[in-house]
Amino acid sequence: MQLCDILLRLGEENFQQLVRSISLGRLKTFQLFDRVKTRLYLTKLNSETLRKAEPRMWTRIGEHDDDFATDISQAILISHMDMIRAVLDHLGIPHEDGFFAKDADISKYLTGGWQQKAWEQFHTVYSAPALLFYINHLAWEIAKAEDVFQPAA
């Protein structure tokens, strides 16, 4: 499973909400603004051009452009650092302001049912698409998940 698979399984509507949640200020803070602008083939990056680029972005995700998906995922994730810190704290995962230390073994903290527990704790506090994406991203990156998590009703 790759990041494109996660985004595709979450669906186009959730993807649109994720793109609309990208913080241009955070992109600048984390020095990703120019990289994202270049990746999107935009001469100007603002909320309007980002919104207008959504269909092209979805097409590229559908074409399994994994490098593109990585850059978009970074933009989405840094825009939700408060949620990331809260989820990691809830799971008892050591981190440095939302980032893992190099060579840290995080997988041991992801015990059975952690995805559903994180979902139940935070789905009413944070954006549901962002939380679902982060849970799946964490499962993919750390636990090497082979399938996309969908919360139980």
N, C-alpha and C. Protein backbone atom coordinates (compact mmCIF):
# COMPACT_ATOMS: atom_id res chain seq x y z
N MET A 1 0.84 -1.18 0.00
CA MET A 1 0.00 0.00 0.00
C MET A 1 0.89 1.25 0.00
N GLN A 2 0.47 2.23 -0.77
CA GLN A 2 1.20 3.49 -0.87
C GLN A 2 0.27 4.64 -0.45
N LEU A 3 0.84 5.85 -0.36
CA LEU A 3 0.05 7.01 0.04
C LEU A 3 -1.10 7.25 -0.94
N CYS A 4 -0.85 7.03 -2.23
CA CYS A 4 -1.93 7.19 -3.21
C CYS A 4 -3.10 6.28 -2.88
N ASP A 5 -2.81 5.06 -2.48
CA ASP A 5 -3.86 4.11 -2.14
C ASP A 5 -4.70 4.62 -0.96
N ILE A 6 -4.03 5.18 0.02
CA ILE A 6 -4.74 5.72 1.19
C ILE A 6 -5.67 6.85 0.74
N LEU A 7 -5.13 7.80 -0.01
CA LEU A 7 -5.94 8.94 -0.45
C LEU A 7 -7.10 8.49 -1.33
N LEU A 8 -6.85 7.56 -2.24
CA LEU A 8 -7.91 7.07 -3.12
C LEU A 8 -9.01 6.37 -2.33
N ARG A 9 -8.62 5.56 -1.36
CA ARG A 9 -9.62 4.83 -0.56
C ARG A 9 -10.42 5.78 0.33
N LEU A 10 -9.83 6.89 0.74
CA LEU A 10 -10.57 7.86 1.55
C LEU A 10 -11.60 8.60 0.71
N GLY A 11 -11.37 8.66 -0.59
CA GLY A 11 -12.35 9.25 -1.50
C GLY A 11 -12.07 10.69 -1.87
N GLU A 12 -12.66 11.09 -2.99
CA GLU A 12 -12.42 12.43 -3.54
C GLU A 12 -12.95 13.53 -2.64
N GLU A 13 -14.11 13.33 -2.02
CA GLU A 13 -14.67 14.36 -1.15
C GLU A 13 -13.74 14.62 0.05
N ASN A 14 -13.25 13.56 0.68
CA ASN A 14 -12.31 13.73 1.79
C ASN A 14 -11.02 14.37 1.31
N PHE A 15 -10.57 13.98 0.12
CA PHE A 15 -9.35 14.58 -0.44
C PHE A 15 -9.54 16.09 -0.61
N GLN A 16 -10.68 16.49 -1.14
CA GLN A 16 -10.96 17.92 -1.31
C GLN A 16 -10.91 18.66 0.02
N GLN A 17 -11.49 18.06 1.05
CA GLN A 17 -11.46 18.68 2.37
C GLN A 17 -10.04 18.77 2.91
N LEU A 18 -9.24 17.74 2.65
CA LEU A 18 -7.84 17.76 3.09
C LEU A 18 -7.07 18.87 2.39
N VAL A 19 -7.26 19.00 1.09
CA VAL A 19 -6.56 20.05 0.33
C VAL A 19 -6.99 21.42 0.83
N ARG A 20 -8.25 21.59 1.09
CA ARG A 20 -8.75 22.89 1.56
C ARG A 20 -8.28 23.21 2.98
N SER A 21 -7.80 22.20 3.69
CA SER A 21 -7.30 22.43 5.04
C SER A 21 -5.80 22.77 5.07
N ILE A 22 -5.16 22.75 3.92
CA ILE A 22 -3.72 23.05 3.87
C ILE A 22 -3.50 24.51 4.26
N SER A 23 -2.63 24.71 5.21
CA SER A 23 -2.31 26.05 5.70
C SER A 23 -1.11 26.61 4.94
N LEU A 24 -1.34 27.69 4.21
CA LEU A 24 -0.25 28.30 3.46
C LEU A 24 0.81 28.85 4.40
N GLY A 25 0.40 29.33 5.56
CA GLY A 25 1.35 29.80 6.56
C GLY A 25 2.25 28.69 7.06
N ARG A 26 1.66 27.54 7.30
CA ARG A 26 2.47 26.39 7.74
C ARG A 26 3.43 25.94 6.64
N LEU A 27 2.98 26.01 5.38
CA LEU A 27 3.88 25.66 4.27
C LEU A 27 5.10 26.58 4.28
N LYS A 28 4.87 27.84 4.56
CA LYS A 28 5.99 28.79 4.61
C LYS A 28 6.87 28.50 5.82
N THR A 29 6.26 28.26 6.97
CA THR A 29 7.01 27.98 8.19
C THR A 29 7.91 26.77 8.03
N PHE A 30 7.40 25.72 7.40
CA PHE A 30 8.16 24.49 7.23
C PHE A 30 8.92 24.44 5.90
N GLN A 31 8.98 25.58 5.24
CA GLN A 31 9.73 25.75 3.99
C GLN A 31 9.29 24.76 2.91
N LEU A 32 8.00 24.57 2.80
CA LEU A 32 7.43 23.71 1.77
C LEU A 32 6.62 24.49 0.73
N PHE A 33 6.48 25.78 0.94
CA PHE A 33 5.63 26.60 0.08
C PHE A 33 6.05 26.50 -1.39
N ASP A 34 7.31 26.78 -1.66
CA ASP A 34 7.79 26.76 -3.05
C ASP A 34 7.75 25.35 -3.64
N ARG A 35 8.05 24.36 -2.83
CA ARG A 35 8.02 22.98 -3.31
C ARG A 35 6.61 22.57 -3.73
N VAL A 36 5.62 22.91 -2.91
CA VAL A 36 4.23 22.59 -3.23
C VAL A 36 3.78 23.37 -4.46
N LYS A 37 4.12 24.63 -4.52
CA LYS A 37 3.76 25.45 -5.68
C LYS A 37 4.33 24.85 -6.97
N THR A 38 5.58 24.42 -6.91
CA THR A 38 6.22 23.80 -8.07
C THR A 38 5.55 22.47 -8.42
N ARG A 39 5.29 21.65 -7.41
CA ARG A 39 4.66 20.34 -7.63
C ARG A 39 3.28 20.47 -8.29
N LEU A 40 2.59 21.56 -7.96
CA LEU A 40 1.24 21.78 -8.49
C LEU A 40 1.25 22.53 -9.82
N TYR A 41 2.45 22.88 -10.28
CA TYR A 41 2.60 23.64 -11.53
C TYR A 41 1.83 24.95 -11.49
N LEU A 42 1.95 25.66 -10.37
CA LEU A 42 1.26 26.93 -10.20
C LEU A 42 2.27 28.07 -10.20
N THR A 43 1.90 29.18 -10.84
CA THR A 43 2.76 30.36 -10.79
C THR A 43 2.49 31.15 -9.52
N LYS A 44 1.31 30.96 -8.96
CA LYS A 44 0.91 31.65 -7.73
C LYS A 44 0.19 30.63 -6.86
N LEU A 45 0.56 30.58 -5.59
CA LEU A 45 -0.10 29.64 -4.67
C LEU A 45 -0.86 30.43 -3.61
N ASN A 46 -2.17 30.28 -3.64
CA ASN A 46 -3.04 30.83 -2.61
C ASN A 46 -4.23 29.89 -2.47
N SER A 47 -5.15 30.21 -1.59
CA SER A 47 -6.26 29.28 -1.33
C SER A 47 -7.11 29.07 -2.57
N GLU A 48 -7.28 30.10 -3.39
CA GLU A 48 -8.09 29.98 -4.61
C GLU A 48 -7.42 29.07 -5.64
N THR A 49 -6.12 29.29 -5.90
CA THR A 49 -5.44 28.45 -6.89
C THR A 49 -5.30 27.01 -6.40
N LEU A 50 -5.16 26.86 -5.11
CA LEU A 50 -5.09 25.51 -4.52
C LEU A 50 -6.42 24.79 -4.73
N ARG A 51 -7.52 25.48 -4.47
CA ARG A 51 -8.84 24.90 -4.66
C ARG A 51 -9.07 24.55 -6.12
N LYS A 52 -8.68 25.43 -7.03
CA LYS A 52 -8.87 25.17 -8.46
C LYS A 52 -8.00 24.02 -8.96
N ALA A 53 -6.91 23.74 -8.26
CA ALA A 53 -6.00 22.66 -8.67
C ALA A 53 -6.46 21.29 -8.17
N GLU A 54 -7.49 21.25 -7.33
CA GLU A 54 -7.94 19.99 -6.75
C GLU A 54 -8.22 18.90 -7.79
N PRO A 55 -8.95 19.19 -8.88
CA PRO A 55 -9.22 18.11 -9.85
C PRO A 55 -7.94 17.55 -10.47
N ARG A 56 -7.00 18.40 -10.80
CA ARG A 56 -5.72 17.93 -11.36
C ARG A 56 -4.95 17.12 -10.32
N MET A 57 -5.01 17.55 -9.08
CA MET A 57 -4.33 16.83 -8.01
C MET A 57 -4.94 15.43 -7.85
N TRP A 58 -6.26 15.36 -7.87
CA TRP A 58 -6.94 14.07 -7.72
C TRP A 58 -6.57 13.14 -8.88
N THR A 59 -6.47 13.71 -10.07
CA THR A 59 -6.06 12.91 -11.24
C THR A 59 -4.67 12.33 -11.03
N ARG A 60 -3.75 13.15 -10.54
CA ARG A 60 -2.38 12.68 -10.31
C ARG A 60 -2.34 11.60 -9.22
N ILE A 61 -3.18 11.74 -8.22
CA ILE A 61 -3.26 10.71 -7.19
C ILE A 61 -3.78 9.42 -7.83
N GLY A 62 -4.78 9.54 -8.68
CA GLY A 62 -5.35 8.39 -9.37
C GLY A 62 -4.35 7.71 -10.30
N GLU A 63 -3.37 8.47 -10.77
CA GLU A 63 -2.32 7.91 -11.63
C GLU A 63 -1.18 7.31 -10.81
N HIS A 64 -1.37 7.30 -9.51
CA HIS A 64 -0.38 6.76 -8.56
C HIS A 64 0.97 7.45 -8.66
N ASP A 65 0.94 8.77 -8.70
CA ASP A 65 2.17 9.57 -8.66
C ASP A 65 2.58 9.66 -7.19
N ASP A 66 3.37 8.69 -6.74
CA ASP A 66 3.70 8.56 -5.32
C ASP A 66 4.56 9.70 -4.79
N ASP A 67 5.45 10.25 -5.61
CA ASP A 67 6.24 11.40 -5.16
C ASP A 67 5.34 12.60 -4.93
N PHE A 68 4.39 12.79 -5.81
CA PHE A 68 3.42 13.87 -5.67
C PHE A 68 2.60 13.66 -4.40
N ALA A 69 2.15 12.42 -4.18
CA ALA A 69 1.35 12.10 -2.99
C ALA A 69 2.15 12.38 -1.72
N THR A 70 3.44 12.10 -1.74
CA THR A 70 4.28 12.36 -0.57
C THR A 70 4.32 13.86 -0.25
N ASP A 71 4.51 14.68 -1.27
CA ASP A 71 4.56 16.13 -1.06
C ASP A 71 3.22 16.67 -0.57
N ILE A 72 2.14 16.22 -1.16
CA ILE A 72 0.81 16.69 -0.74
C ILE A 72 0.52 16.21 0.68
N SER A 73 0.92 14.99 0.99
CA SER A 73 0.72 14.46 2.35
C SER A 73 1.46 15.29 3.38
N GLN A 74 2.69 15.67 3.07
CA GLN A 74 3.44 16.53 3.99
C GLN A 74 2.73 17.84 4.21
N ALA A 75 2.21 18.43 3.14
CA ALA A 75 1.49 19.70 3.26
C ALA A 75 0.25 19.54 4.13
N ILE A 76 -0.45 18.44 3.96
CA ILE A 76 -1.65 18.18 4.76
C ILE A 76 -1.27 17.98 6.23
N LEU A 77 -0.28 17.15 6.45
CA LEU A 77 0.09 16.80 7.83
C LEU A 77 0.61 18.00 8.62
N ILE A 78 1.47 18.81 8.03
CA ILE A 78 1.99 19.96 8.79
C ILE A 78 0.90 20.98 9.09
N SER A 79 -0.18 20.91 8.33
CA SER A 79 -1.30 21.82 8.58
C SER A 79 -2.16 21.37 9.76
N HIS A 80 -1.85 20.18 10.29
CA HIS A 80 -2.63 19.62 11.39
C HIS A 80 -1.72 19.17 12.54
N MET A 81 -0.70 19.93 12.81
CA MET A 81 0.27 19.54 13.84
C MET A 81 -0.35 19.44 15.23
N ASP A 82 -1.34 20.29 15.53
CA ASP A 82 -1.98 20.20 16.85
C ASP A 82 -2.68 18.86 17.01
N MET A 83 -3.34 18.40 15.95
CA MET A 83 -4.00 17.09 16.00
C MET A 83 -2.96 15.97 16.11
N ILE A 84 -1.89 16.07 15.38
CA ILE A 84 -0.84 15.05 15.41
C ILE A 84 -0.26 14.93 16.82
N ARG A 85 0.05 16.06 17.43
CA ARG A 85 0.58 16.04 18.80
C ARG A 85 -0.42 15.39 19.76
N ALA A 86 -1.69 15.74 19.62
CA ALA A 86 -2.72 15.18 20.51
C ALA A 86 -2.85 13.67 20.33
N VAL A 87 -2.84 13.19 19.10
CA VAL A 87 -2.97 11.75 18.84
C VAL A 87 -1.75 11.01 19.39
N LEU A 88 -0.57 11.54 19.13
CA LEU A 88 0.65 10.89 19.62
C LEU A 88 0.68 10.86 21.15
N ASP A 89 0.28 11.95 21.78
CA ASP A 89 0.22 11.99 23.25
C ASP A 89 -0.79 10.95 23.76
N HIS A 90 -1.94 10.88 23.12
CA HIS A 90 -2.98 9.92 23.52
C HIS A 90 -2.49 8.48 23.41
N LEU A 91 -1.71 8.21 22.37
CA LEU A 91 -1.19 6.86 22.16
C LEU A 91 0.06 6.58 22.99
N GLY A 92 0.57 7.60 23.68
CA GLY A 92 1.76 7.44 24.50
C GLY A 92 3.04 7.31 23.69
N ILE A 93 3.03 7.85 22.49
CA ILE A 93 4.20 7.76 21.61
C ILE A 93 5.11 8.97 21.86
N PRO A 94 6.37 8.71 22.19
CA PRO A 94 7.29 9.84 22.40
C PRO A 94 7.55 10.58 21.09
N HIS A 95 7.54 11.90 21.18
CA HIS A 95 7.77 12.72 19.98
C HIS A 95 8.32 14.07 20.39
N GLU A 96 8.84 14.76 19.41
CA GLU A 96 9.36 16.10 19.62
C GLU A 96 8.49 17.05 18.83
N ASP A 97 7.47 17.58 19.47
CA ASP A 97 6.52 18.50 18.86
C ASP A 97 5.87 17.91 17.61
N GLY A 98 5.55 16.62 17.66
CA GLY A 98 4.88 15.95 16.56
C GLY A 98 5.80 15.18 15.63
N PHE A 99 7.09 15.28 15.83
CA PHE A 99 8.06 14.59 14.99
C PHE A 99 8.76 13.51 15.81
N PHE A 100 9.09 12.40 15.15
CA PHE A 100 9.77 11.30 15.82
C PHE A 100 11.27 11.50 15.79
N ALA A 101 11.94 11.04 16.85
CA ALA A 101 13.39 11.05 16.87
C ALA A 101 13.89 10.02 15.85
N LYS A 102 15.04 10.29 15.28
CA LYS A 102 15.62 9.34 14.32
C LYS A 102 15.84 8.00 14.99
N ASP A 103 15.61 6.95 14.25
CA ASP A 103 15.81 5.57 14.71
C ASP A 103 14.91 5.18 15.88
N ALA A 104 13.86 5.94 16.14
CA ALA A 104 12.94 5.58 17.23
C ALA A 104 12.05 4.42 16.77
N ASP A 105 11.84 3.45 17.65
CA ASP A 105 10.97 2.32 17.34
C ASP A 105 9.57 2.65 17.86
N ILE A 106 8.76 3.17 16.99
CA ILE A 106 7.42 3.63 17.35
C ILE A 106 6.41 2.49 17.28
N SER A 107 6.70 1.48 16.48
CA SER A 107 5.72 0.41 16.23
C SER A 107 5.25 -0.28 17.51
N LYS A 108 6.09 -0.33 18.52
CA LYS A 108 5.69 -1.02 19.75
C LYS A 108 4.55 -0.30 20.48
N TYR A 109 4.31 0.96 20.15
CA TYR A 109 3.24 1.73 20.78
C TYR A 109 1.90 1.53 20.07
N LEU A 110 1.95 0.97 18.88
CA LEU A 110 0.74 0.79 18.09
C LEU A 110 0.19 -0.61 18.32
N THR A 111 -0.43 -0.77 19.46
CA THR A 111 -0.97 -2.07 19.86
C THR A 111 -2.39 -2.24 19.33
N GLY A 112 -2.88 -3.44 19.40
CA GLY A 112 -4.19 -3.79 18.86
C GLY A 112 -5.29 -2.78 19.12
N GLY A 113 -5.98 -2.41 18.07
CA GLY A 113 -7.11 -1.50 18.18
C GLY A 113 -6.75 -0.03 18.33
N TRP A 114 -5.49 0.33 18.18
CA TRP A 114 -5.07 1.72 18.39
C TRP A 114 -5.76 2.67 17.42
N GLN A 115 -6.02 2.23 16.21
CA GLN A 115 -6.64 3.12 15.22
C GLN A 115 -8.06 3.49 15.64
N GLN A 116 -8.84 2.50 16.03
CA GLN A 116 -10.21 2.77 16.45
C GLN A 116 -10.23 3.62 17.72
N LYS A 117 -9.32 3.35 18.65
CA LYS A 117 -9.25 4.15 19.89
C LYS A 117 -8.93 5.61 19.59
N ALA A 118 -7.97 5.84 18.70
CA ALA A 118 -7.62 7.22 18.32
C ALA A 118 -8.81 7.88 17.62
N TRP A 119 -9.47 7.16 16.76
CA TRP A 119 -10.64 7.70 16.06
C TRP A 119 -11.73 8.10 17.06
N GLU A 120 -12.05 7.19 17.98
CA GLU A 120 -13.10 7.46 18.96
C GLU A 120 -12.76 8.65 19.85
N GLN A 121 -11.50 8.80 20.20
CA GLN A 121 -11.08 9.89 21.06
C GLN A 121 -11.17 11.26 20.36
N PHE A 122 -10.86 11.32 19.06
CA PHE A 122 -10.65 12.61 18.42
C PHE A 122 -11.57 12.96 17.25
N HIS A 123 -12.43 12.05 16.80
CA HIS A 123 -13.20 12.35 15.59
C HIS A 123 -14.20 13.50 15.76
N THR A 124 -14.56 13.82 17.00
CA THR A 124 -15.45 14.96 17.21
C THR A 124 -14.67 16.24 17.53
N VAL A 125 -13.37 16.09 17.73
CA VAL A 125 -12.54 17.25 18.10
C VAL A 125 -11.86 17.86 16.88
N TYR A 126 -11.39 17.01 15.98
CA TYR A 126 -10.65 17.44 14.80
C TYR A 126 -11.40 17.06 13.53
N SER A 127 -10.97 17.64 12.43
CA SER A 127 -11.54 17.32 11.13
C SER A 127 -11.47 15.82 10.88
N ALA A 128 -12.62 15.21 10.59
CA ALA A 128 -12.67 13.76 10.38
C ALA A 128 -11.77 13.31 9.23
N PRO A 129 -11.77 13.99 8.07
CA PRO A 129 -10.87 13.55 7.00
C PRO A 129 -9.40 13.65 7.40
N ALA A 130 -9.03 14.71 8.12
CA ALA A 130 -7.63 14.87 8.54
C ALA A 130 -7.24 13.79 9.53
N LEU A 131 -8.11 13.50 10.48
CA LEU A 131 -7.82 12.47 11.47
C LEU A 131 -7.71 11.10 10.81
N LEU A 132 -8.64 10.80 9.92
CA LEU A 132 -8.61 9.52 9.22
C LEU A 132 -7.35 9.39 8.38
N PHE A 133 -6.98 10.48 7.71
CA PHE A 133 -5.75 10.44 6.92
C PHE A 133 -4.53 10.22 7.83
N TYR A 134 -4.47 10.93 8.95
CA TYR A 134 -3.31 10.78 9.83
C TYR A 134 -3.22 9.37 10.42
N ILE A 135 -4.33 8.83 10.86
CA ILE A 135 -4.33 7.47 11.41
C ILE A 135 -3.80 6.49 10.35
N ASN A 136 -4.26 6.64 9.13
CA ASN A 136 -3.81 5.75 8.06
C ASN A 136 -2.37 6.01 7.68
N HIS A 137 -1.96 7.26 7.70
CA HIS A 137 -0.57 7.59 7.39
C HIS A 137 0.36 6.99 8.44
N LEU A 138 -0.01 7.13 9.70
CA LEU A 138 0.79 6.57 10.79
C LEU A 138 0.86 5.05 10.68
N ALA A 139 -0.26 4.41 10.37
CA ALA A 139 -0.29 2.96 10.20
C ALA A 139 0.59 2.53 9.03
N TRP A 140 0.55 3.29 7.95
CA TRP A 140 1.35 2.98 6.76
C TRP A 140 2.84 3.18 7.04
N GLU A 141 3.17 4.32 7.64
CA GLU A 141 4.57 4.67 7.86
C GLU A 141 5.23 3.82 8.94
N ILE A 142 4.55 3.58 10.04
CA ILE A 142 5.15 2.91 11.18
C ILE A 142 4.82 1.42 11.23
N ALA A 143 3.55 1.10 11.09
CA ALA A 143 3.12 -0.29 11.24
C ALA A 143 3.12 -1.06 9.92
N LYS A 144 3.46 -0.36 8.83
CA LYS A 144 3.49 -0.99 7.50
C LYS A 144 2.17 -1.66 7.16
N ALA A 145 1.08 -0.96 7.47
CA ALA A 145 -0.26 -1.48 7.22
C ALA A 145 -0.46 -1.80 5.75
N GLU A 146 -1.22 -2.83 5.50
CA GLU A 146 -1.49 -3.27 4.14
C GLU A 146 -2.90 -2.87 3.67
N ASP A 147 -3.71 -2.33 4.59
CA ASP A 147 -5.06 -1.95 4.22
C ASP A 147 -5.40 -0.61 4.89
N VAL A 148 -6.36 0.08 4.33
CA VAL A 148 -6.78 1.38 4.83
C VAL A 148 -7.79 1.19 5.96
N PHE A 149 -7.56 1.88 7.07
CA PHE A 149 -8.47 1.83 8.22
C PHE A 149 -9.71 2.64 7.92
N GLN A 150 -10.85 2.04 8.17
CA GLN A 150 -12.14 2.73 8.14
C GLN A 150 -12.77 2.51 9.50
N PRO A 151 -13.17 3.57 10.19
CA PRO A 151 -13.70 3.41 11.55
C PRO A 151 -14.99 2.62 11.59
N ALA A 152 -15.18 1.90 12.69
CA ALA A 152 -16.43 1.17 12.92
C ALA A 152 -17.52 2.19 13.23
N ALA A 153 -18.69 1.91 12.76
CA ALA A 153 -19.81 2.86 12.93
C ALA A 153 -20.23 2.99 14.37
